[in-house]
Amino acid sequence: MESSGAAVSIAMPLYRKDGASQPPPYAGARGAAQRLDILLPPRDFVLWSFFNTVFCNPCCLGFLALVFSIKARDRKVLGDINGAHSYGKTARNLNIAIVVLSIIFIILVITLFATIHKH
């Protein structure tokens, strides 16, 4: 086999001698004024999506929200903050739509039962 002589480098996270790694990419950095700007990691809303999938799942929107939540969590683990934010925002919007549709459905059912039993 012939070697091309080109060096191959794989970007690995830096580790200190005590075994601690560098902070995650969303932890912020020190600015010129030496203050620590900590950015919060993007939210993935997995628990809210799971709750909506199990208990109130109109038109399978709860399952769809759960899929986007898991995609957001995967992107956050990979360090793709923009992708995680995008998927998390979609999951949040789907969860809000599910809650609104569920409340409307409950109000509609209560109204129908109240009008049927009135007569």
PDB file of N, CA and C in Angstrom:
ATOM      1  N   MET A   1       0.834  -1.169   0.000  1.00  0.00           N
ATOM      2  CA  MET A   1       0.000   0.000   0.000  1.00  0.00           C
ATOM      3  C   MET A   1       0.879   1.232   0.000  1.00  0.00           C
ATOM      4  N   GLU A   2       0.409   2.214  -0.669  1.00  0.00           N
ATOM      5  CA  GLU A   2       1.184   3.439  -0.793  1.00  0.00           C
ATOM      6  C   GLU A   2       0.575   4.518   0.090  1.00  0.00           C
ATOM      7  N   SER A   3       1.391   5.215   0.840  1.00  0.00           N
ATOM      8  CA  SER A   3       0.932   6.271   1.722  1.00  0.00           C
ATOM      9  C   SER A   3       1.058   7.605   1.008  1.00  0.00           C
ATOM     10  N   SER A   4       0.002   8.414   1.121  1.00  0.00           N
ATOM     11  CA  SER A   4       0.018   9.718   0.458  1.00  0.00           C
ATOM     12  C   SER A   4       0.816  10.743   1.254  1.00  0.00           C
ATOM     13  N   GLY A   5       1.048  10.495   2.514  1.00  0.00           N
ATOM     14  CA  GLY A   5       1.824  11.416   3.331  1.00  0.00           C
ATOM     15  C   GLY A   5       1.002  12.565   3.886  1.00  0.00           C
ATOM     16  N   ALA A   6      -0.289  12.660   3.529  1.00  0.00           N
ATOM     17  CA  ALA A   6      -1.141  13.743   4.023  1.00  0.00           C
ATOM     18  C   ALA A   6      -1.583  13.417   5.438  1.00  0.00           C
ATOM     19  N   ALA A   7      -1.521  14.392   6.291  1.00  0.00           N
ATOM     20  CA  ALA A   7      -1.935  14.198   7.672  1.00  0.00           C
ATOM     21  C   ALA A   7      -3.447  14.322   7.779  1.00  0.00           C
ATOM     22  N   VAL A   8      -4.049  13.438   8.538  1.00  0.00           N
ATOM     23  CA  VAL A   8      -5.485  13.460   8.772  1.00  0.00           C
ATOM     24  C   VAL A   8      -5.702  13.844  10.227  1.00  0.00           C
ATOM     25  N   SER A   9      -6.586  14.814  10.445  1.00  0.00           N
ATOM     26  CA  SER A   9      -6.849  15.281  11.796  1.00  0.00           C
ATOM     27  C   SER A   9      -8.336  15.162  12.086  1.00  0.00           C
ATOM     28  N   ILE A  10      -8.633  14.677  13.264  1.00  0.00           N
ATOM     29  CA  ILE A  10     -10.012  14.604  13.719  1.00  0.00           C
ATOM     30  C   ILE A  10     -10.137  15.552  14.898  1.00  0.00           C
ATOM     31  N   ALA A  11     -11.108  16.465  14.830  1.00  0.00           N
ATOM     32  CA  ALA A  11     -11.301  17.438  15.909  1.00  0.00           C
ATOM     33  C   ALA A  11     -11.913  16.739  17.114  1.00  0.00           C
ATOM     34  N   MET A  12     -11.163  16.661  18.175  1.00  0.00           N
ATOM     35  CA  MET A  12     -11.620  16.027  19.410  1.00  0.00           C
ATOM     36  C   MET A  12     -11.754  17.107  20.477  1.00  0.00           C
ATOM     37  N   PRO A  13     -12.683  16.931  21.423  1.00  0.00           N
ATOM     38  CA  PRO A  13     -12.795  17.920  22.500  1.00  0.00           C
ATOM     39  C   PRO A  13     -11.550  17.907  23.376  1.00  0.00           C
ATOM     40  N   LEU A  14     -11.217  19.061  23.886  1.00  0.00           N
ATOM     41  CA  LEU A  14     -10.044  19.188  24.751  1.00  0.00           C
ATOM     42  C   LEU A  14     -10.380  18.727  26.154  1.00  0.00           C
ATOM     43  N   TYR A  15      -9.463  17.994  26.767  1.00  0.00           N
ATOM     44  CA  TYR A  15      -9.653  17.512  28.121  1.00  0.00           C
ATOM     45  C   TYR A  15      -8.513  17.996  29.000  1.00  0.00           C
ATOM     46  N   ARG A  16      -8.864  18.354  30.219  1.00  0.00           N
ATOM     47  CA  ARG A  16      -7.838  18.732  31.178  1.00  0.00           C
ATOM     48  C   ARG A  16      -7.301  17.466  31.828  1.00  0.00           C
ATOM     49  N   LYS A  17      -6.219  17.615  32.573  1.00  0.00           N
ATOM     50  CA  LYS A  17      -5.599  16.452  33.206  1.00  0.00           C
ATOM     51  C   LYS A  17      -6.476  15.830  34.283  1.00  0.00           C
ATOM     52  N   ASP A  18      -7.379  16.629  34.870  1.00  0.00           N
ATOM     53  CA  ASP A  18      -8.239  16.071  35.913  1.00  0.00           C
ATOM     54  C   ASP A  18      -9.454  15.342  35.353  1.00  0.00           C
ATOM     55  N   GLY A  19      -9.551  15.207  34.036  1.00  0.00           N
ATOM     56  CA  GLY A  19     -10.625  14.455  33.413  1.00  0.00           C
ATOM     57  C   GLY A  19     -11.826  15.286  33.021  1.00  0.00           C
ATOM     58  N   ALA A  20     -11.870  16.557  33.400  1.00  0.00           N
ATOM     59  CA  ALA A  20     -12.999  17.402  33.045  1.00  0.00           C
ATOM     60  C   ALA A  20     -12.848  17.875  31.599  1.00  0.00           C
ATOM     61  N   SER A  21     -13.940  17.951  30.915  1.00  0.00           N
ATOM     62  CA  SER A  21     -13.894  18.390  29.522  1.00  0.00           C
ATOM     63  C   SER A  21     -14.235  19.871  29.424  1.00  0.00           C
ATOM     64  N   GLN A  22     -14.115  20.404  28.244  1.00  0.00           N
ATOM     65  CA  GLN A  22     -14.485  21.786  28.000  1.00  0.00           C
ATOM     66  C   GLN A  22     -15.997  21.921  28.133  1.00  0.00           C
ATOM     67  N   PRO A  23     -16.504  23.121  28.437  1.00  0.00           N
ATOM     68  CA  PRO A  23     -17.952  23.298  28.554  1.00  0.00           C
ATOM     69  C   PRO A  23     -18.628  23.076  27.202  1.00  0.00           C
ATOM     70  N   PRO A  24     -19.922  22.749  27.204  1.00  0.00           N
ATOM     71  CA  PRO A  24     -20.632  22.549  25.946  1.00  0.00           C
ATOM     72  C   PRO A  24     -20.642  23.818  25.117  1.00  0.00           C
ATOM     73  N   PRO A  25     -20.916  23.714  23.809  1.00  0.00           N
ATOM     74  CA  PRO A  25     -20.814  24.878  22.929  1.00  0.00           C
ATOM     75  C   PRO A  25     -21.785  26.008  23.247  1.00  0.00           C
ATOM     76  N   TYR A  26     -22.830  25.756  24.006  1.00  0.00           N
ATOM     77  CA  TYR A  26     -23.794  26.799  24.313  1.00  0.00           C
ATOM     78  C   TYR A  26     -23.514  27.461  25.648  1.00  0.00           C
ATOM     79  N   ALA A  27     -22.404  27.172  26.285  1.00  0.00           N
ATOM     80  CA  ALA A  27     -22.133  27.707  27.611  1.00  0.00           C
ATOM     81  C   ALA A  27     -21.628  29.148  27.583  1.00  0.00           C
ATOM     82  N   GLY A  28     -21.369  29.709  26.409  1.00  0.00           N
ATOM     83  CA  GLY A  28     -20.948  31.098  26.325  1.00  0.00           C
ATOM     84  C   GLY A  28     -19.435  31.239  26.413  1.00  0.00           C
ATOM     85  N   ALA A  29     -18.955  32.454  26.388  1.00  0.00           N
ATOM     86  CA  ALA A  29     -17.520  32.718  26.443  1.00  0.00           C
ATOM     87  C   ALA A  29     -17.291  34.024  27.186  1.00  0.00           C
ATOM     88  N   ARG A  30     -16.050  34.247  27.602  1.00  0.00           N
ATOM     89  CA  ARG A  30     -15.718  35.492  28.288  1.00  0.00           C
ATOM     90  C   ARG A  30     -15.541  36.602  27.259  1.00  0.00           C
ATOM     91  N   GLY A  31     -16.178  37.728  27.525  1.00  0.00           N
ATOM     92  CA  GLY A  31     -16.100  38.866  26.624  1.00  0.00           C
ATOM     93  C   GLY A  31     -14.982  39.801  27.010  1.00  0.00           C
ATOM     94  N   ALA A  32     -14.922  40.961  26.367  1.00  0.00           N
ATOM     95  CA  ALA A  32     -13.873  41.937  26.621  1.00  0.00           C
ATOM     96  C   ALA A  32     -13.955  42.482  28.041  1.00  0.00           C
ATOM     97  N   ALA A  33     -15.145  42.553  28.606  1.00  0.00           N
ATOM     98  CA  ALA A  33     -15.328  43.078  29.960  1.00  0.00           C
ATOM     99  C   ALA A  33     -15.152  41.990  31.010  1.00  0.00           C
ATOM    100  N   GLN A  34     -14.676  40.796  30.615  1.00  0.00           N
ATOM    101  CA  GLN A  34     -14.443  39.671  31.501  1.00  0.00           C
ATOM    102  C   GLN A  34     -15.698  39.249  32.251  1.00  0.00           C
ATOM    103  N   ARG A  35     -16.853  39.362  31.623  1.00  0.00           N
ATOM    104  CA  ARG A  35     -18.074  38.855  32.237  1.00  0.00           C
ATOM    105  C   ARG A  35     -18.463  37.573  31.530  1.00  0.00           C
ATOM    106  N   LEU A  36     -19.135  36.708  32.221  1.00  0.00           N
ATOM    107  CA  LEU A  36     -19.493  35.414  31.665  1.00  0.00           C
ATOM    108  C   LEU A  36     -20.910  35.485  31.116  1.00  0.00           C
ATOM    109  N   ASP A  37     -21.028  35.411  29.806  1.00  0.00           N
ATOM    110  CA  ASP A  37     -22.336  35.393  29.165  1.00  0.00           C
ATOM    111  C   ASP A  37     -22.751  33.938  28.982  1.00  0.00           C
ATOM    112  N   ILE A  38     -23.670  33.492  29.801  1.00  0.00           N
ATOM    113  CA  ILE A  38     -24.112  32.100  29.714  1.00  0.00           C
ATOM    114  C   ILE A  38     -25.399  32.067  28.903  1.00  0.00           C
ATOM    115  N   LEU A  39     -25.337  31.350  27.801  1.00  0.00           N
ATOM    116  CA  LEU A  39     -26.523  31.146  26.979  1.00  0.00           C
ATOM    117  C   LEU A  39     -27.196  29.864  27.432  1.00  0.00           C
ATOM    118  N   LEU A  40     -28.494  29.918  27.579  1.00  0.00           N
ATOM    119  CA  LEU A  40     -29.221  28.725  27.973  1.00  0.00           C
ATOM    120  C   LEU A  40     -29.303  27.768  26.793  1.00  0.00           C
ATOM    121  N   PRO A  41     -29.213  26.475  27.051  1.00  0.00           N
ATOM    122  CA  PRO A  41     -29.337  25.518  25.954  1.00  0.00           C
ATOM    123  C   PRO A  41     -30.760  25.547  25.408  1.00  0.00           C
ATOM    124  N   PRO A  42     -30.929  25.244  24.127  1.00  0.00           N
ATOM    125  CA  PRO A  42     -32.281  25.253  23.567  1.00  0.00           C
ATOM    126  C   PRO A  42     -33.148  24.186  24.227  1.00  0.00           C
ATOM    127  N   ARG A  43     -34.415  24.481  24.392  1.00  0.00           N
ATOM    128  CA  ARG A  43     -35.335  23.547  25.043  1.00  0.00           C
ATOM    129  C   ARG A  43     -35.842  22.547  24.025  1.00  0.00           C
ATOM    130  N   ASP A  44     -36.123  21.329  24.493  1.00  0.00           N
ATOM    131  CA  ASP A  44     -36.587  20.305  23.571  1.00  0.00           C
ATOM    132  C   ASP A  44     -38.032  19.855  23.845  1.00  0.00           C
ATOM    133  N   PHE A  45     -38.601  20.148  24.996  1.00  0.00           N
ATOM    134  CA  PHE A  45     -40.001  19.897  25.334  1.00  0.00           C
ATOM    135  C   PHE A  45     -40.393  18.426  25.214  1.00  0.00           C
ATOM    136  N   VAL A  46     -39.493  17.508  25.551  1.00  0.00           N
ATOM    137  CA  VAL A  46     -39.784  16.082  25.410  1.00  0.00           C
ATOM    138  C   VAL A  46     -40.886  15.634  26.375  1.00  0.00           C
ATOM    139  N   LEU A  47     -40.829  16.071  27.618  1.00  0.00           N
ATOM    140  CA  LEU A  47     -41.843  15.638  28.588  1.00  0.00           C
ATOM    141  C   LEU A  47     -43.230  16.145  28.225  1.00  0.00           C
ATOM    142  N   TRP A  48     -43.325  17.395  27.813  1.00  0.00           N
ATOM    143  CA  TRP A  48     -44.611  17.967  27.394  1.00  0.00           C
ATOM    144  C   TRP A  48     -45.145  17.214  26.183  1.00  0.00           C
ATOM    145  N   SER A  49     -44.277  16.911  25.228  1.00  0.00           N
ATOM    146  CA  SER A  49     -44.688  16.172  24.039  1.00  0.00           C
ATOM    147  C   SER A  49     -45.126  14.758  24.391  1.00  0.00           C
ATOM    148  N   PHE A  50     -44.402  14.115  25.308  1.00  0.00           N
ATOM    149  CA  PHE A  50     -44.780  12.765  25.722  1.00  0.00           C
ATOM    150  C   PHE A  50     -46.141  12.772  26.416  1.00  0.00           C
ATOM    151  N   PHE A  51     -46.372  13.758  27.291  1.00  0.00           N
ATOM    152  CA  PHE A  51     -47.668  13.887  27.957  1.00  0.00           C
ATOM    153  C   PHE A  51     -48.777  14.065  26.937  1.00  0.00           C
ATOM    154  N   ASN A  52     -48.561  14.953  25.956  1.00  0.00           N
ATOM    155  CA  ASN A  52     -49.583  15.184  24.934  1.00  0.00           C
ATOM    156  C   ASN A  52     -49.795  13.955  24.059  1.00  0.00           C
ATOM    157  N   THR A  53     -48.749  13.175  23.824  1.00  0.00           N
ATOM    158  CA  THR A  53     -48.892  11.960  23.026  1.00  0.00           C
ATOM    159  C   THR A  53     -49.747  10.933  23.760  1.00  0.00           C
ATOM    160  N   VAL A  54     -49.541  10.807  25.062  1.00  0.00           N
ATOM    161  CA  VAL A  54     -50.259   9.781  25.823  1.00  0.00           C
ATOM    162  C   VAL A  54     -51.692  10.201  26.148  1.00  0.00           C
ATOM    163  N   PHE A  55     -51.893  11.443  26.573  1.00  0.00           N
ATOM    164  CA  PHE A  55     -53.190  11.832  27.097  1.00  0.00           C
ATOM    165  C   PHE A  55     -54.076  12.620  26.137  1.00  0.00           C
ATOM    166  N   CYS A  56     -53.528  13.487  25.337  1.00  0.00           N
ATOM    167  CA  CYS A  56     -54.367  14.254  24.408  1.00  0.00           C
ATOM    168  C   CYS A  56     -53.631  14.330  23.071  1.00  0.00           C
ATOM    169  N   ASN A  57     -54.084  13.512  22.146  1.00  0.00           N
ATOM    170  CA  ASN A  57     -53.364  13.327  20.891  1.00  0.00           C
ATOM    171  C   ASN A  57     -54.299  13.542  19.695  1.00  0.00           C
ATOM    172  N   PRO A  58     -54.789  14.771  19.488  1.00  0.00           N
ATOM    173  CA  PRO A  58     -55.700  14.976  18.355  1.00  0.00           C
ATOM    174  C   PRO A  58     -54.947  14.901  17.029  1.00  0.00           C
ATOM    175  N   CYS A  59     -55.457  14.095  16.137  1.00  0.00           N
ATOM    176  CA  CYS A  59     -54.897  13.937  14.781  1.00  0.00           C
ATOM    177  C   CYS A  59     -53.415  13.559  14.805  1.00  0.00           C
ATOM    178  N   CYS A  60     -52.997  12.820  15.812  1.00  0.00           N
ATOM    179  CA  CYS A  60     -51.601  12.374  15.971  1.00  0.00           C
ATOM    180  C   CYS A  60     -50.611  13.537  16.070  1.00  0.00           C
ATOM    181  N   LEU A  61     -51.069  14.706  16.466  1.00  0.00           N
ATOM    182  CA  LEU A  61     -50.164  15.844  16.627  1.00  0.00           C
ATOM    183  C   LEU A  61     -49.218  15.637  17.807  1.00  0.00           C
ATOM    184  N   GLY A  62     -49.660  14.910  18.818  1.00  0.00           N
ATOM    185  CA  GLY A  62     -48.793  14.630  19.958  1.00  0.00           C
ATOM    186  C   GLY A  62     -47.592  13.799  19.558  1.00  0.00           C
ATOM    187  N   PHE A  63     -47.822  12.800  18.712  1.00  0.00           N
ATOM    188  CA  PHE A  63     -46.716  11.982  18.232  1.00  0.00           C
ATOM    189  C   PHE A  63     -45.761  12.811  17.382  1.00  0.00           C
ATOM    190  N   LEU A  64     -46.309  13.687  16.545  1.00  0.00           N
ATOM    191  CA  LEU A  64     -45.473  14.551  15.713  1.00  0.00           C
ATOM    192  C   LEU A  64     -44.640  15.500  16.570  1.00  0.00           C
ATOM    193  N   ALA A  65     -45.250  16.034  17.628  1.00  0.00           N
ATOM    194  CA  ALA A  65     -44.504  16.897  18.551  1.00  0.00           C
ATOM    195  C   ALA A  65     -43.401  16.118  19.244  1.00  0.00           C
ATOM    196  N   LEU A  66     -43.677  14.854  19.591  1.00  0.00           N
ATOM    197  CA  LEU A  66     -42.660  14.016  20.227  1.00  0.00           C
ATOM    198  C   LEU A  66     -41.493  13.758  19.283  1.00  0.00           C
ATOM    199  N   VAL A  67     -41.781  13.554  18.018  1.00  0.00           N
ATOM    200  CA  VAL A  67     -40.716  13.340  17.024  1.00  0.00           C
ATOM    201  C   VAL A  67     -39.831  14.579  16.926  1.00  0.00           C
ATOM    202  N   PHE A  68     -40.434  15.759  16.844  1.00  0.00           N
ATOM    203  CA  PHE A  68     -39.647  16.987  16.754  1.00  0.00           C
ATOM    204  C   PHE A  68     -38.872  17.247  18.048  1.00  0.00           C
ATOM    205  N   SER A  69     -39.440  16.870  19.189  1.00  0.00           N
ATOM    206  CA  SER A  69     -38.735  17.030  20.456  1.00  0.00           C
ATOM    207  C   SER A  69     -37.490  16.151  20.510  1.00  0.00           C
ATOM    208  N   ILE A  70     -37.626  14.924  20.043  1.00  0.00           N
ATOM    209  CA  ILE A  70     -36.473  14.019  20.043  1.00  0.00           C
ATOM    210  C   ILE A  70     -35.418  14.496  19.047  1.00  0.00           C
ATOM    211  N   LYS A  71     -35.855  15.033  17.908  1.00  0.00           N
ATOM    212  CA  LYS A  71     -34.897  15.604  16.959  1.00  0.00           C
ATOM    213  C   LYS A  71     -34.164  16.793  17.571  1.00  0.00           C
ATOM    214  N   ALA A  72     -34.889  17.612  18.335  1.00  0.00           N
ATOM    215  CA  ALA A  72     -34.254  18.760  18.996  1.00  0.00           C
ATOM    216  C   ALA A  72     -33.231  18.291  20.016  1.00  0.00           C
ATOM    217  N   ARG A  73     -33.562  17.241  20.777  1.00  0.00           N
ATOM    218  CA  ARG A  73     -32.615  16.725  21.765  1.00  0.00           C
ATOM    219  C   ARG A  73     -31.379  16.148  21.077  1.00  0.00           C
ATOM    220  N   ASP A  74     -31.570  15.437  19.970  1.00  0.00           N
ATOM    221  CA  ASP A  74     -30.435  14.887  19.229  1.00  0.00           C
ATOM    222  C   ASP A  74     -29.532  15.994  18.696  1.00  0.00           C
ATOM    223  N   ARG A  75     -30.125  17.044  18.155  1.00  0.00           N
ATOM    224  CA  ARG A  75     -29.341  18.171  17.633  1.00  0.00           C
ATOM    225  C   ARG A  75     -28.581  18.863  18.752  1.00  0.00           C
ATOM    226  N   LYS A  76     -29.208  18.968  19.928  1.00  0.00           N
ATOM    227  CA  LYS A  76     -28.536  19.606  21.067  1.00  0.00           C
ATOM    228  C   LYS A  76     -27.329  18.781  21.498  1.00  0.00           C
ATOM    229  N   VAL A  77     -27.465  17.460  21.486  1.00  0.00           N
ATOM    230  CA  VAL A  77     -26.359  16.592  21.872  1.00  0.00           C
ATOM    231  C   VAL A  77     -25.219  16.692  20.863  1.00  0.00           C
ATOM    232  N   LEU A  78     -25.563  16.834  19.582  1.00  0.00           N
ATOM    233  CA  LEU A  78     -24.541  16.939  18.541  1.00  0.00           C
ATOM    234  C   LEU A  78     -23.869  18.306  18.497  1.00  0.00           C
ATOM    235  N   GLY A  79     -24.443  19.286  19.195  1.00  0.00           N
ATOM    236  CA  GLY A  79     -23.859  20.619  19.210  1.00  0.00           C
ATOM    237  C   GLY A  79     -24.419  21.557  18.166  1.00  0.00           C
ATOM    238  N   ASP A  80     -25.435  21.125  17.426  1.00  0.00           N
ATOM    239  CA  ASP A  80     -26.075  21.983  16.414  1.00  0.00           C
ATOM    240  C   ASP A  80     -27.150  22.812  17.106  1.00  0.00           C
ATOM    241  N   ILE A  81     -26.751  23.951  17.628  1.00  0.00           N
ATOM    242  CA  ILE A  81     -27.652  24.772  18.432  1.00  0.00           C
ATOM    243  C   ILE A  81     -28.782  25.355  17.593  1.00  0.00           C
ATOM    244  N   ASN A  82     -28.483  25.799  16.366  1.00  0.00           N
ATOM    245  CA  ASN A  82     -29.525  26.361  15.508  1.00  0.00           C
ATOM    246  C   ASN A  82     -30.559  25.310  15.137  1.00  0.00           C
ATOM    247  N   GLY A  83     -30.113  24.102  14.797  1.00  0.00           N
ATOM    248  CA  GLY A  83     -31.041  23.029  14.476  1.00  0.00           C
ATOM    249  C   GLY A  83     -31.877  22.635  15.678  1.00  0.00           C
ATOM    250  N   ALA A  84     -31.253  22.571  16.850  1.00  0.00           N
ATOM    251  CA  ALA A  84     -31.983  22.230  18.068  1.00  0.00           C
ATOM    252  C   ALA A  84     -33.025  23.283  18.388  1.00  0.00           C
ATOM    253  N   HIS A  85     -32.670  24.552  18.195  1.00  0.00           N
ATOM    254  CA  HIS A  85     -33.618  25.633  18.447  1.00  0.00           C
ATOM    255  C   HIS A  85     -34.799  25.548  17.485  1.00  0.00           C
ATOM    256  N   SER A  86     -34.528  25.253  16.220  1.00  0.00           N
ATOM    257  CA  SER A  86     -35.582  25.160  15.214  1.00  0.00           C
ATOM    258  C   SER A  86     -36.544  24.011  15.511  1.00  0.00           C
ATOM    259  N   TYR A  87     -35.988  22.826  15.788  1.00  0.00           N
ATOM    260  CA  TYR A  87     -36.845  21.681  16.099  1.00  0.00           C
ATOM    261  C   TYR A  87     -37.595  21.893  17.405  1.00  0.00           C
ATOM    262  N   GLY A  88     -36.944  22.498  18.393  1.00  0.00           N
ATOM    263  CA  GLY A  88     -37.597  22.770  19.661  1.00  0.00           C
ATOM    264  C   GLY A  88     -38.746  23.758  19.521  1.00  0.00           C
ATOM    265  N   LYS A  89     -38.555  24.758  18.670  1.00  0.00           N
ATOM    266  CA  LYS A  89     -39.608  25.743  18.429  1.00  0.00           C
ATOM    267  C   LYS A  89     -40.813  25.089  17.751  1.00  0.00           C
ATOM    268  N   THR A  90     -40.547  24.188  16.805  1.00  0.00           N
ATOM    269  CA  THR A  90     -41.638  23.475  16.135  1.00  0.00           C
ATOM    270  C   THR A  90     -42.376  22.587  17.127  1.00  0.00           C
ATOM    271  N   ALA A  91     -41.639  21.890  17.991  1.00  0.00           N
ATOM    272  CA  ALA A  91     -42.270  21.038  19.001  1.00  0.00           C
ATOM    273  C   ALA A  91     -43.114  21.869  19.956  1.00  0.00           C
ATOM    274  N   ARG A  92     -42.605  23.030  20.363  1.00  0.00           N
ATOM    275  CA  ARG A  92     -43.367  23.902  21.259  1.00  0.00           C
ATOM    276  C   ARG A  92     -44.660  24.371  20.607  1.00  0.00           C
ATOM    277  N   ASN A  93     -44.579  24.789  19.340  1.00  0.00           N
ATOM    278  CA  ASN A  93     -45.776  25.255  18.638  1.00  0.00           C
ATOM    279  C   ASN A  93     -46.801  24.135  18.472  1.00  0.00           C
ATOM    280  N   LEU A  94     -46.335  22.917  18.172  1.00  0.00           N
ATOM    281  CA  LEU A  94     -47.260  21.793  18.065  1.00  0.00           C
ATOM    282  C   LEU A  94     -47.905  21.485  19.414  1.00  0.00           C
ATOM    283  N   ASN A  95     -47.136  21.558  20.495  1.00  0.00           N
ATOM    284  CA  ASN A  95     -47.690  21.304  21.825  1.00  0.00           C
ATOM    285  C   ASN A  95     -48.727  22.357  22.202  1.00  0.00           C
ATOM    286  N   ILE A  96     -48.475  23.598  21.850  1.00  0.00           N
ATOM    287  CA  ILE A  96     -49.462  24.652  22.118  1.00  0.00           C
ATOM    288  C   ILE A  96     -50.734  24.395  21.326  1.00  0.00           C
ATOM    289  N   ALA A  97     -50.602  24.002  20.057  1.00  0.00           N
ATOM    290  CA  ALA A  97     -51.772  23.694  19.228  1.00  0.00           C
ATOM    291  C   ALA A  97     -52.561  22.523  19.815  1.00  0.00           C
ATOM    292  N   ILE A  98     -51.862  21.523  20.338  1.00  0.00           N
ATOM    293  CA  ILE A  98     -52.527  20.364  20.939  1.00  0.00           C
ATOM    294  C   ILE A  98     -53.327  20.780  22.169  1.00  0.00           C
ATOM    295  N   VAL A  99     -52.738  21.609  23.010  1.00  0.00           N
ATOM    296  CA  VAL A  99     -53.439  22.053  24.217  1.00  0.00           C
ATOM    297  C   VAL A  99     -54.671  22.863  23.846  1.00  0.00           C
ATOM    298  N   VAL A 100     -54.551  23.761  22.869  1.00  0.00           N
ATOM    299  CA  VAL A 100     -55.691  24.572  22.449  1.00  0.00           C
ATOM    300  C   VAL A 100     -56.797  23.690  21.868  1.00  0.00           C
ATOM    301  N   LEU A 101     -56.435  22.749  20.985  1.00  0.00           N
ATOM    302  CA  LEU A 101     -57.435  21.852  20.402  1.00  0.00           C
ATOM    303  C   LEU A 101     -58.090  20.979  21.464  1.00  0.00           C
ATOM    304  N   SER A 102     -57.326  20.538  22.435  1.00  0.00           N
ATOM    305  CA  SER A 102     -57.889  19.702  23.503  1.00  0.00           C
ATOM    306  C   SER A 102     -58.864  20.490  24.364  1.00  0.00           C
ATOM    307  N   ILE A 103     -58.519  21.732  24.674  1.00  0.00           N
ATOM    308  CA  ILE A 103     -59.433  22.579  25.469  1.00  0.00           C
ATOM    309  C   ILE A 103     -60.709  22.846  24.698  1.00  0.00           C
ATOM    310  N   ILE A 104     -60.585  23.144  23.407  1.00  0.00           N
ATOM    311  CA  ILE A 104     -61.778  23.372  22.584  1.00  0.00           C
ATOM    312  C   ILE A 104     -62.636  22.113  22.537  1.00  0.00           C
ATOM    313  N   PHE A 105     -62.017  20.941  22.401  1.00  0.00           N
ATOM    314  CA  PHE A 105     -62.762  19.688  22.355  1.00  0.00           C
ATOM    315  C   PHE A 105     -63.490  19.432  23.671  1.00  0.00           C
ATOM    316  N   ILE A 106     -62.822  19.686  24.798  1.00  0.00           N
ATOM    317  CA  ILE A 106     -63.451  19.474  26.102  1.00  0.00           C
ATOM    318  C   ILE A 106     -64.635  20.416  26.293  1.00  0.00           C
ATOM    319  N   ILE A 107     -64.468  21.676  25.911  1.00  0.00           N
ATOM    320  CA  ILE A 107     -65.570  22.644  26.019  1.00  0.00           C
ATOM    321  C   ILE A 107     -66.725  22.220  25.127  1.00  0.00           C
ATOM    322  N   LEU A 108     -66.431  21.741  23.939  1.00  0.00           N
ATOM    323  CA  LEU A 108     -67.464  21.292  23.008  1.00  0.00           C
ATOM    324  C   LEU A 108     -68.222  20.086  23.571  1.00  0.00           C
ATOM    325  N   VAL A 109     -67.527  19.131  24.156  1.00  0.00           N
ATOM    326  CA  VAL A 109     -68.175  17.949  24.725  1.00  0.00           C
ATOM    327  C   VAL A 109     -69.047  18.337  25.918  1.00  0.00           C
ATOM    328  N   ILE A 110     -68.544  19.201  26.772  1.00  0.00           N
ATOM    329  CA  ILE A 110     -69.347  19.639  27.919  1.00  0.00           C
ATOM    330  C   ILE A 110     -70.590  20.379  27.451  1.00  0.00           C
ATOM    331  N   THR A 111     -70.452  21.228  26.449  1.00  0.00           N
ATOM    332  CA  THR A 111     -71.596  21.967  25.916  1.00  0.00           C
ATOM    333  C   THR A 111     -72.622  21.021  25.300  1.00  0.00           C
ATOM    334  N   LEU A 112     -72.151  20.028  24.548  1.00  0.00           N
ATOM    335  CA  LEU A 112     -73.080  19.070  23.942  1.00  0.00           C
ATOM    336  C   LEU A 112     -73.815  18.257  25.002  1.00  0.00           C
ATOM    337  N   PHE A 113     -73.120  17.779  26.026  1.00  0.00           N
ATOM    338  CA  PHE A 113     -73.776  17.030  27.087  1.00  0.00           C
ATOM    339  C   PHE A 113     -74.765  17.901  27.858  1.00  0.00           C
ATOM    340  N   ALA A 114     -74.427  19.159  28.051  1.00  0.00           N
ATOM    341  CA  ALA A 114     -75.326  20.061  28.789  1.00  0.00           C
ATOM    342  C   ALA A 114     -76.595  20.320  27.982  1.00  0.00           C
ATOM    343  N   THR A 115     -76.491  20.464  26.667  1.00  0.00           N
ATOM    344  CA  THR A 115     -77.675  20.736  25.850  1.00  0.00           C
ATOM    345  C   THR A 115     -78.502  19.475  25.616  1.00  0.00           C
ATOM    346  N   ILE A 116     -77.872  18.311  25.564  1.00  0.00           N
ATOM    347  CA  ILE A 116     -78.622  17.060  25.348  1.00  0.00           C
ATOM    348  C   ILE A 116     -79.406  16.692  26.598  1.00  0.00           C
ATOM    349  N   HIS A 117     -78.820  16.824  27.768  1.00  0.00           N
ATOM    350  CA  HIS A 117     -79.491  16.454  29.010  1.00  0.00           C
ATOM    351  C   HIS A 117     -80.471  17.501  29.499  1.00  0.00           C
ATOM    352  N   LYS A 118     -80.514  18.630  28.849  1.00  0.00           N
ATOM    353  CA  LYS A 118     -81.443  19.687  29.233  1.00  0.00           C
ATOM    354  C   LYS A 118     -82.856  19.323  28.829  1.00  0.00           C
ATOM    355  N   HIS A 119     -83.015  18.613  27.745  1.00  0.00           N
ATOM    356  CA  HIS A 119     -84.353  18.319  27.228  1.00  0.00           C
ATOM    357  C   HIS A 119     -84.924  17.104  27.824  1.00  0.00           C
TER     358      HIS A 119
END
